[in-house]
N, C-alpha and C. Protein backbone atom coordinates (compact mmCIF):
# COMPACT_ATOMS: atom_id res chain seq x y z
N UNK A 1 -32.82 -13.63 -3.52
CA UNK A 1 -31.73 -12.67 -2.93
C UNK A 1 -31.01 -13.30 -1.97
N UNK A 2 -29.67 -13.51 -1.78
CA UNK A 2 -28.95 -14.20 -0.78
C UNK A 2 -28.80 -13.35 0.46
N UNK A 3 -28.39 -13.86 1.51
CA UNK A 3 -28.07 -13.40 2.88
C UNK A 3 -26.60 -13.52 3.18
N UNK A 4 -26.08 -12.56 3.71
CA UNK A 4 -24.53 -12.63 4.13
C UNK A 4 -24.50 -12.27 5.53
N UNK A 5 -23.79 -13.04 6.51
CA UNK A 5 -23.70 -12.75 7.75
C UNK A 5 -22.30 -12.05 7.87
N UNK A 6 -22.16 -10.82 8.64
CA UNK A 6 -20.89 -10.05 8.68
C UNK A 6 -20.61 -10.05 10.24
N UNK A 7 -19.30 -10.31 10.59
CA UNK A 7 -19.19 -9.96 12.08
C UNK A 7 -18.26 -8.88 12.06
N UNK A 8 -18.67 -7.82 12.69
CA UNK A 8 -17.90 -6.55 12.79
C UNK A 8 -17.68 -6.36 14.27
N UNK A 9 -16.44 -5.67 14.42
CA UNK A 9 -16.03 -5.21 15.81
C UNK A 9 -17.01 -3.94 16.11
N UNK A 10 -17.04 -3.36 17.23
CA UNK A 10 -17.77 -2.37 17.63
C UNK A 10 -17.51 -1.14 16.84
N UNK A 11 -16.08 -0.80 16.70
CA UNK A 11 -15.85 0.40 16.01
C UNK A 11 -16.11 0.37 14.60
N UNK A 12 -15.96 -0.65 13.82
CA UNK A 12 -16.32 -0.92 12.50
C UNK A 12 -17.82 -0.84 12.20
N UNK A 13 -18.60 -1.31 13.22
CA UNK A 13 -20.03 -1.27 13.22
C UNK A 13 -20.52 0.09 13.31
N UNK A 14 -19.72 0.94 14.24
CA UNK A 14 -20.21 2.25 14.45
C UNK A 14 -19.87 3.07 13.12
N UNK A 15 -18.75 2.83 12.40
CA UNK A 15 -18.46 3.43 11.16
C UNK A 15 -19.62 3.17 10.16
N UNK A 16 -19.97 2.07 10.08
CA UNK A 16 -21.00 1.38 9.08
C UNK A 16 -22.22 2.25 9.35
N UNK A 17 -22.62 2.28 10.79
CA UNK A 17 -23.91 2.88 10.95
C UNK A 17 -23.97 4.38 10.59
N UNK A 18 -22.73 5.13 10.91
CA UNK A 18 -22.71 6.39 10.76
C UNK A 18 -22.77 6.62 9.18
N UNK A 19 -22.07 6.00 8.33
CA UNK A 19 -21.86 6.04 6.84
C UNK A 19 -23.36 5.73 6.33
N UNK A 20 -24.03 4.68 6.70
CA UNK A 20 -25.35 4.35 6.30
C UNK A 20 -26.36 5.42 6.52
N UNK A 21 -26.24 5.84 7.76
CA UNK A 21 -27.34 6.99 8.12
C UNK A 21 -27.02 8.25 7.42
N UNK A 22 -25.88 8.57 7.11
CA UNK A 22 -25.54 9.94 6.37
C UNK A 22 -26.00 9.63 4.86
N UNK A 23 -25.89 8.76 4.49
CA UNK A 23 -26.31 8.32 3.11
C UNK A 23 -27.65 8.06 2.84
N UNK A 24 -28.44 7.87 4.03
CA UNK A 24 -29.81 7.69 3.89
C UNK A 24 -30.22 6.32 3.50
N UNK A 25 -29.32 5.35 3.79
CA UNK A 25 -29.54 3.87 3.42
C UNK A 25 -29.48 3.11 4.52
N UNK A 26 -30.07 1.85 4.33
CA UNK A 26 -30.00 0.88 5.41
C UNK A 26 -28.42 0.41 5.42
N UNK A 27 -28.01 -0.26 6.51
CA UNK A 27 -26.78 -0.78 6.63
C UNK A 27 -26.59 -1.82 5.49
N UNK A 28 -27.71 -2.72 5.12
CA UNK A 28 -27.49 -3.63 4.05
C UNK A 28 -27.22 -3.00 2.87
N UNK A 29 -27.91 -1.98 2.46
CA UNK A 29 -27.82 -1.39 1.09
C UNK A 29 -26.54 -0.67 1.10
N UNK A 30 -26.10 -0.04 2.19
CA UNK A 30 -24.88 0.64 2.12
C UNK A 30 -23.50 -0.22 1.81
N UNK A 31 -23.63 -1.40 2.51
CA UNK A 31 -22.54 -2.42 2.17
C UNK A 31 -22.89 -3.08 0.86
N UNK A 32 -24.07 -3.35 0.21
CA UNK A 32 -24.24 -3.65 -1.09
C UNK A 32 -23.60 -2.67 -2.14
N UNK A 33 -23.87 -1.42 -1.88
CA UNK A 33 -23.21 -0.46 -2.73
C UNK A 33 -21.71 -0.34 -2.75
N UNK A 34 -21.28 -0.50 -1.40
CA UNK A 34 -19.83 -0.54 -1.31
C UNK A 34 -19.11 -1.67 -2.03
N UNK A 35 -19.89 -2.97 -1.95
CA UNK A 35 -19.31 -4.09 -2.75
C UNK A 35 -19.32 -3.72 -4.08
N UNK A 36 -20.50 -3.26 -4.68
CA UNK A 36 -20.57 -3.14 -6.20
C UNK A 36 -19.48 -2.17 -6.61
N UNK A 37 -19.16 -1.05 -5.72
CA UNK A 37 -18.29 -0.05 -6.43
C UNK A 37 -16.81 -0.73 -6.10
N UNK A 38 -16.41 -1.27 -5.11
CA UNK A 38 -14.98 -1.90 -5.01
C UNK A 38 -14.76 -3.07 -5.51
N UNK A 39 -15.77 -3.82 -5.94
CA UNK A 39 -15.50 -5.19 -6.58
C UNK A 39 -15.82 -5.11 -8.08
N UNK A 40 -16.12 -4.06 -8.65
CA UNK A 40 -16.35 -3.92 -10.00
C UNK A 40 -15.17 -4.46 -10.86
N UNK A 41 -15.32 -5.11 -11.98
CA UNK A 41 -14.31 -5.54 -12.78
C UNK A 41 -13.91 -4.71 -13.89
N UNK A 42 -14.32 -3.43 -13.84
CA UNK A 42 -14.24 -2.61 -14.99
C UNK A 42 -13.41 -1.43 -14.69
N UNK A 43 -12.58 -0.76 -15.52
CA UNK A 43 -11.99 0.31 -15.24
C UNK A 43 -12.87 1.62 -15.04
N UNK A 44 -12.61 2.54 -14.19
CA UNK A 44 -13.48 3.74 -14.18
C UNK A 44 -13.40 4.38 -15.40
N UNK A 45 -14.23 5.25 -15.86
CA UNK A 45 -14.36 5.93 -17.02
C UNK A 45 -13.33 7.13 -17.11
N UNK A 46 -12.98 7.58 -15.95
CA UNK A 46 -11.99 8.65 -15.87
C UNK A 46 -10.63 8.00 -16.15
N UNK A 47 -10.28 6.85 -15.79
CA UNK A 47 -9.06 6.06 -15.98
C UNK A 47 -9.01 5.70 -17.68
N UNK A 48 -10.03 5.14 -18.14
CA UNK A 48 -10.14 4.84 -19.56
C UNK A 48 -9.83 6.10 -20.34
N UNK A 49 -10.45 7.34 -19.98
CA UNK A 49 -10.05 8.54 -20.58
C UNK A 49 -8.58 8.80 -20.87
N UNK A 50 -7.73 8.40 -19.90
CA UNK A 50 -6.29 8.61 -19.94
C UNK A 50 -5.65 7.78 -20.90
N UNK A 51 -6.26 6.86 -21.74
CA UNK A 51 -5.51 6.19 -22.76
C UNK A 51 -5.12 6.92 -23.79
N UNK A 52 -3.85 7.02 -24.11
CA UNK A 52 -3.26 7.85 -25.14
C UNK A 52 -2.98 9.36 -24.90
N UNK A 53 -3.31 9.71 -23.58
CA UNK A 53 -3.19 11.04 -23.09
C UNK A 53 -1.77 11.49 -22.96
N UNK A 54 -0.75 10.42 -22.99
CA UNK A 54 0.50 10.88 -22.78
C UNK A 54 1.30 10.44 -24.09
N UNK A 55 1.52 11.13 -24.99
CA UNK A 55 2.15 10.84 -26.31
C UNK A 55 3.57 10.67 -26.16
N UNK A 56 4.22 11.32 -24.97
CA UNK A 56 5.62 10.96 -25.07
C UNK A 56 6.03 9.85 -24.16
N UNK A 57 4.98 8.99 -23.93
CA UNK A 57 5.22 7.85 -23.06
C UNK A 57 4.81 6.30 -23.82
N UNK A 58 5.59 6.23 -24.93
CA UNK A 58 5.41 4.89 -25.69
C UNK A 58 5.68 3.63 -24.95
N UNK A 59 4.76 2.71 -25.12
CA UNK A 59 4.91 1.25 -24.36
C UNK A 59 5.64 0.46 -25.37
N UNK A 60 5.37 0.50 -26.50
CA UNK A 60 5.75 -0.56 -27.51
C UNK A 60 6.66 -0.08 -28.75
N UNK A 61 7.03 1.06 -28.80
CA UNK A 61 7.58 1.74 -30.00
C UNK A 61 6.87 2.84 -30.41
N UNK A 62 7.43 3.62 -31.36
CA UNK A 62 6.67 4.86 -31.90
C UNK A 62 5.68 4.40 -32.94
N UNK A 63 4.84 5.31 -33.11
CA UNK A 63 3.66 5.27 -33.90
C UNK A 63 4.08 5.16 -35.24
N UNK A 64 5.39 5.83 -35.58
CA UNK A 64 5.84 5.66 -36.89
C UNK A 64 6.73 4.52 -37.39
N UNK A 65 6.71 3.54 -36.34
CA UNK A 65 7.30 2.23 -36.64
C UNK A 65 8.71 2.13 -36.12
N UNK A 66 9.33 3.34 -35.90
CA UNK A 66 10.68 3.27 -35.37
C UNK A 66 10.82 2.80 -34.03
N UNK A 67 11.96 2.35 -33.71
CA UNK A 67 12.26 1.66 -32.46
C UNK A 67 12.53 2.70 -31.45
N UNK A 68 12.61 2.34 -30.08
CA UNK A 68 12.91 3.23 -29.01
C UNK A 68 14.33 3.36 -28.95
N UNK A 69 14.80 4.50 -28.48
CA UNK A 69 16.32 4.69 -28.32
C UNK A 69 16.80 3.73 -27.32
N UNK A 70 18.10 3.54 -27.28
CA UNK A 70 18.72 2.54 -26.38
C UNK A 70 18.78 3.24 -24.92
N UNK A 71 18.60 2.36 -24.01
CA UNK A 71 18.44 2.51 -22.62
C UNK A 71 20.03 3.27 -22.26
N UNK A 72 19.88 4.15 -21.14
CA UNK A 72 21.10 4.60 -20.64
C UNK A 72 21.70 3.83 -19.67
N UNK A 73 23.11 3.81 -19.55
CA UNK A 73 23.72 2.95 -18.83
C UNK A 73 23.39 3.22 -17.38
N UNK A 74 23.18 2.26 -16.46
CA UNK A 74 22.71 2.51 -15.09
C UNK A 74 23.93 2.44 -14.24
N UNK A 75 23.86 3.07 -13.02
CA UNK A 75 24.67 3.36 -12.07
C UNK A 75 24.68 2.13 -11.24
N UNK A 76 25.87 1.44 -10.97
CA UNK A 76 25.83 0.41 -10.02
C UNK A 76 25.91 0.66 -8.55
N UNK A 77 25.47 -0.14 -7.74
CA UNK A 77 25.64 0.10 -6.29
C UNK A 77 26.95 -0.50 -5.71
């Protein structure tokens, strides 16, 4: 197991201590869980379940092979 030294200002250290105490974890375990949660390289399951949930939002054309309608003329500045 590797060790990491963190330099925290007093306010941040107090936040860490409070959060760790409330969760019943040591500061080290709390930080490790936060890193695992925020550094994960996978999409959350709730996000993955949204795939295909918007049938009126095609990204590459229609499912039937037809093309998307032409874009409307934009207003200039």
